[in-house]
Protein backbone atom coordinates (compact mmCIF):
# COMPACT_ATOMS: atom_id res chain seq x y z
CA MET A 1 4.83 -7.33 30.69
CA SER A 2 2.04 -6.59 33.13
CA GLY A 3 -1.35 -7.14 31.59
CA SER A 4 -2.77 -9.28 28.82
CA VAL A 5 -1.90 -9.70 25.16
CA VAL A 6 -5.12 -9.48 23.16
CA ALA A 7 -5.36 -10.31 19.45
CA LEU A 8 -8.01 -8.62 17.32
CA VAL A 9 -8.85 -10.70 14.26
CA LEU A 10 -10.47 -8.49 11.62
CA ALA A 11 -12.94 -10.66 9.71
CA ALA A 12 -15.55 -8.19 8.48
CA GLY A 13 -14.37 -8.03 4.84
CA GLN A 14 -17.05 -8.62 2.24
CA GLY A 15 -14.72 -10.16 -0.35
CA SER A 16 -16.05 -8.00 -3.18
CA ARG A 17 -13.04 -8.70 -5.41
CA LEU A 18 -13.49 -12.44 -4.95
CA GLY A 19 -17.23 -12.33 -5.57
CA GLN A 20 -17.88 -15.38 -3.35
CA GLY A 21 -19.57 -13.75 -0.37
CA PRO A 22 -18.03 -12.71 2.97
CA LYS A 23 -14.34 -13.48 2.97
CA ALA A 24 -14.27 -15.03 6.45
CA ALA A 25 -16.61 -17.80 5.28
CA LEU A 26 -14.59 -18.73 2.19
CA GLU A 27 -13.48 -22.33 2.17
CA LEU A 28 -9.73 -22.91 2.21
CA GLY A 29 -8.39 -26.43 2.57
CA GLY A 30 -11.84 -27.65 3.57
CA ARG A 31 -12.18 -25.12 6.41
CA PRO A 32 -13.58 -21.58 6.74
CA LEU A 33 -10.88 -19.02 6.02
CA ALA A 34 -11.21 -17.32 9.41
CA SER A 35 -10.60 -20.60 11.25
CA TRP A 36 -6.95 -20.79 10.18
CA SER A 37 -5.66 -17.79 12.13
CA LEU A 38 -8.05 -18.49 15.01
CA LYS A 39 -6.63 -22.00 15.34
CA THR A 40 -3.06 -20.64 15.35
CA LEU A 41 -3.90 -17.99 17.94
CA GLY A 42 -5.69 -20.60 20.03
CA ALA A 43 -2.40 -22.48 20.39
CA CYS A 44 -0.18 -19.39 20.74
CA ALA A 45 1.09 -19.11 24.32
CA ALA A 46 1.99 -15.43 23.83
CA VAL A 47 -1.67 -14.45 23.28
CA ASP A 48 -4.07 -14.47 26.23
CA ARG A 49 -7.34 -13.95 24.40
CA VAL A 50 -8.85 -13.16 21.03
CA VAL A 51 -11.56 -10.75 19.92
CA VAL A 52 -13.01 -11.38 16.47
CA VAL A 53 -14.45 -8.44 14.53
CA GLY A 54 -17.09 -9.48 12.03
CA ASP A 55 -20.58 -10.85 11.58
CA GLU A 56 -21.33 -13.48 14.22
CA ALA A 57 -23.55 -15.60 11.97
CA THR A 58 -20.97 -15.58 9.18
CA LEU A 59 -18.24 -16.56 11.63
CA ALA A 60 -20.24 -19.34 13.31
CA PRO A 61 -18.82 -22.19 11.13
CA ALA A 62 -15.25 -21.00 11.74
CA LEU A 63 -15.80 -20.80 15.49
CA ALA A 64 -17.52 -24.19 15.55
CA SER A 65 -14.52 -25.78 13.81
CA LEU A 66 -12.11 -24.81 16.60
CA SER A 67 -10.91 -27.06 19.38
CA PRO A 68 -12.45 -26.38 22.80
CA ALA A 69 -9.20 -24.71 23.91
CA ALA A 70 -9.03 -22.41 20.88
CA ARG A 71 -12.74 -21.59 21.10
CA GLY A 72 -12.33 -20.82 24.78
CA LYS A 73 -9.68 -18.23 23.99
CA VAL A 74 -12.17 -16.24 21.87
CA ALA A 75 -13.47 -13.69 24.35
CA GLY A 76 -16.05 -12.20 22.02
CA VAL A 77 -17.27 -11.42 18.53
CA VAL A 78 -18.11 -7.80 17.73
CA ALA A 79 -19.67 -6.39 14.58
CA GLY A 80 -17.36 -4.53 12.21
CA GLY A 81 -17.62 -0.93 11.12
CA ALA A 82 -17.79 0.85 7.78
CA SER A 83 -13.98 1.04 7.49
CA ARG A 84 -10.89 -0.74 8.72
CA GLU A 85 -10.30 2.04 11.24
CA GLU A 86 -13.81 1.69 12.64
CA SER A 87 -13.57 -2.10 12.82
CA CYS A 88 -10.29 -1.94 14.70
CA ALA A 89 -11.66 0.71 17.08
CA LEU A 90 -14.66 -1.51 17.84
CA GLY A 91 -12.33 -4.41 18.55
CA LEU A 92 -10.20 -2.20 20.79
CA ALA A 93 -13.28 -1.25 22.79
CA ALA A 94 -13.86 -4.96 23.47
CA ALA A 95 -10.22 -5.80 24.25
CA GLY A 96 -10.63 -5.24 28.00
CA ASP A 97 -9.12 -2.83 30.50
CA ASP A 98 -6.29 -5.21 31.35
CA ALA A 99 -4.97 -5.34 27.78
CA ALA A 100 -1.30 -4.33 27.73
CA ILE A 101 -0.49 -5.26 24.13
CA VAL A 102 -3.02 -5.43 21.31
CA LEU A 103 -2.24 -7.35 18.13
CA VAL A 104 -4.29 -6.72 14.99
CA HIS A 105 -4.47 -9.43 12.35
CA ASP A 106 -6.38 -9.85 9.10
CA ALA A 107 -8.38 -13.07 8.97
CA ALA A 108 -7.56 -12.98 5.25
CA ARG A 109 -3.94 -13.89 6.14
CA PRO A 110 -4.49 -17.52 7.17
CA PHE A 111 -0.91 -18.74 7.36
CA ALA A 112 0.77 -16.40 9.86
CA SER A 113 2.65 -18.59 12.31
CA ASP A 114 2.60 -18.85 16.09
CA ALA A 115 6.22 -17.65 16.04
CA LEU A 116 5.28 -14.50 14.10
CA PHE A 117 2.49 -13.55 16.52
CA THR A 118 4.91 -14.11 19.39
CA ALA A 119 7.67 -12.01 17.80
CA VAL A 120 5.37 -9.07 17.00
CA ALA A 121 3.93 -9.09 20.53
CA ALA A 122 7.45 -9.02 22.02
CA ALA A 123 8.56 -6.22 19.69
CA ALA A 124 5.46 -4.14 20.50
CA ASP A 125 6.17 -4.54 24.20
CA ARG A 126 9.82 -3.59 23.65
CA THR A 127 9.38 -0.63 21.29
CA GLY A 128 5.77 0.44 21.70
CA ALA A 129 4.55 -0.71 18.29
CA ALA A 130 5.59 -3.27 15.69
CA LEU A 131 4.54 -4.94 12.47
CA ALA A 132 5.47 -7.94 10.41
CA ALA A 133 6.93 -7.02 7.02
CA VAL A 134 9.03 -8.52 4.25
CA PRO A 135 11.65 -6.68 2.18
CA LEU A 136 10.49 -5.57 -1.25
CA THR A 137 12.16 -7.59 -4.00
CA ASP A 138 10.35 -6.27 -7.07
CA THR A 139 11.45 -3.14 -8.94
CA LEU A 140 8.92 -0.32 -8.56
CA LYS A 141 7.91 2.00 -11.39
CA ARG A 142 5.82 5.15 -11.07
CA GLY A 143 3.66 5.69 -14.13
CA ASP A 144 2.30 8.89 -15.62
CA ALA A 145 -1.23 9.69 -16.86
CA ALA A 146 -0.36 8.36 -20.31
CA GLY A 147 0.62 4.96 -18.96
CA ARG A 148 4.34 5.47 -19.42
CA VAL A 149 7.13 5.08 -16.88
CA ALA A 150 7.78 8.35 -15.11
CA THR A 151 10.50 7.13 -12.77
CA THR A 152 11.99 4.06 -11.14
CA ILE A 153 11.76 3.99 -7.35
CA PRO A 154 14.77 2.53 -5.52
CA ARG A 155 13.62 -0.43 -3.45
CA THR A 156 16.36 -0.12 -0.85
CA GLY A 157 14.75 0.16 2.57
CA LEU A 158 11.25 -0.62 1.27
CA TRP A 159 9.13 -3.28 2.98
CA ARG A 160 5.76 -4.89 2.24
CA ALA A 161 3.63 -4.59 5.36
CA GLN A 162 1.83 -7.66 6.69
CA THR A 163 -0.17 -8.48 9.77
CA PRO A 164 0.02 -9.17 12.64
CA GLN A 165 0.70 -5.63 13.75
CA GLY A 166 0.65 -4.57 17.36
CA ALA A 167 1.12 -1.81 19.88
CA ARG A 168 0.83 -1.05 23.53
CA ALA A 169 -2.88 -0.78 24.16
CA ASP A 170 -2.81 2.81 25.41
CA LEU A 171 -0.79 3.93 22.38
CA LEU A 172 -3.08 2.19 19.89
CA ARG A 173 -6.19 3.60 21.57
CA ARG A 174 -4.73 7.11 21.48
CA ALA A 175 -3.77 6.70 17.81
CA HIS A 176 -7.30 5.67 16.87
CA ALA A 177 -8.96 8.34 18.99
CA GLU A 178 -6.88 11.17 17.54
CA ALA A 179 -7.33 9.94 13.97
CA ALA A 180 -11.10 9.68 14.51
CA LEU A 181 -11.20 13.32 15.60
CA VAL A 182 -9.56 14.36 12.33
CA ARG A 183 -11.85 12.18 10.23
CA GLY A 184 -14.87 13.60 12.02
CA ALA A 185 -18.12 13.43 10.09
CA ASP A 186 -16.37 13.02 6.73
CA PRO A 187 -13.99 10.06 6.95
CA ALA A 188 -13.33 10.19 3.20
CA SER A 189 -12.26 13.84 3.21
CA ARG A 190 -9.05 14.94 1.52
CA THR A 191 -7.96 16.59 4.77
CA ALA A 192 -8.21 13.31 6.67
CA ALA A 193 -6.27 11.46 3.97
CA GLU A 194 -3.52 14.06 3.81
CA ASP A 195 -3.26 14.12 7.60
CA GLY A 196 -2.70 10.36 7.72
CA ALA A 197 -5.90 9.79 9.70
CA ILE A 198 -6.99 7.17 7.16
CA GLY A 199 -4.68 4.17 7.36
CA THR A 200 -4.56 1.09 5.14
CA ASP A 201 -2.92 -0.64 8.08
CA ASP A 202 -3.04 -0.12 11.83
CA VAL A 203 0.44 1.06 12.70
CA ALA A 204 0.07 3.89 10.17
CA LEU A 205 -2.07 5.64 12.77
CA VAL A 206 0.66 5.08 15.37
CA GLU A 207 3.28 6.43 12.95
CA ARG A 208 1.12 9.56 12.61
CA LEU A 209 1.79 10.30 16.29
CA GLY A 210 5.54 10.18 15.71
CA ALA A 211 5.96 6.98 17.72
CA ASP A 212 8.56 4.36 16.83
CA VAL A 213 7.37 1.21 15.06
CA GLU A 214 9.66 -1.83 14.96
CA ILE A 215 9.84 -4.01 11.85
CA VAL A 216 9.69 -7.74 12.55
CA PRO A 217 10.75 -9.97 9.63
CA GLY A 218 7.56 -11.42 8.19
CA GLU A 219 6.89 -14.66 6.34
CA ALA A 220 6.76 -15.14 2.59
CA TRP A 221 3.75 -17.45 2.90
CA ASN A 222 1.79 -14.92 4.99
CA LEU A 223 -0.26 -13.95 1.95
CA LYS A 224 -3.40 -11.85 2.15
CA ILE A 225 -6.20 -13.50 0.20
CA THR A 226 -7.85 -10.77 -1.86
CA THR A 227 -8.35 -12.21 -5.34
CA ALA A 228 -9.23 -15.57 -6.90
CA GLU A 229 -5.55 -15.94 -7.83
CA ASP A 230 -4.57 -15.53 -4.18
CA LEU A 231 -7.05 -18.22 -3.15
CA ALA A 232 -5.72 -20.58 -5.83
CA TRP A 233 -2.15 -19.96 -4.62
CA ALA A 234 -3.16 -20.68 -1.02
CA GLU A 235 -4.81 -23.96 -2.01
CA ALA A 236 -1.74 -24.94 -4.03
CA TRP A 237 0.55 -24.06 -1.11
CA LEU A 238 -1.48 -26.24 1.22
CA GLY A 239 -1.38 -29.06 -1.31
CA ALA A 240 2.39 -28.78 -1.66
CA ARG A 241 2.81 -28.88 2.12
CA ALA A 242 0.60 -31.96 2.38
CA THR A 243 2.64 -33.87 -0.19
CA ALA A 244 6.13 -32.66 0.78
CA PRO A 245 8.41 -35.34 2.26
CA ARG A 246 8.69 -35.06 6.01
CA GLU A 247 12.03 -34.49 7.69
CA GLY A 248 14.04 -37.69 7.91
CA GLY A 249 11.94 -39.31 5.17
CA ARG A 250 8.96 -39.94 7.48
């Protein structure tokens, strides 16, 4: 591809469901949560630079924990907005004119691998947009107002979206700009929601334009830390990795 691959790391979440302060500053495995994905991106050859979206003071310990090479790949820290869409748009504005592919990743997903970032970047370049996702394995039930099962939803073809997600920079910018016009002065309006201008993930805004989005097989361990139970699972997963026998018995 001609141009740079830029990763936006969204780290502006307040962690209200965890109740332990800003999520990016949470300690996981003895390190700030945001540092995990920043370290991985710092070593990822497919990514040219990183823009972090969040509070600079909150992120200072995570940035300070990085190696000089990983810290040098962080091109800037920009304040987040009132919504995910606004935060991503602010990151896009700082991505640089030479950005060809923009990846968007939640800092709350600390365990996404170098290989996953690389695969999503390649798929976005190939198709125009892409996301990491894993097939749904649970049975889905739709409930009614009385708390009873209304119907069972077939899970065939259903995927759980993860990040990283990515798109060609011009496509992602257009998707955000057009969605922002619909949201206008009332981003919580029913019209904006029904139009698809409010997205719980980033490629939803690209889908709204009718563009193709490629699914890249995600990783089971690429958990988003939202609750105390998620944080406990992540700590346990790290502990299991630390004590697991190495290949060849080493």
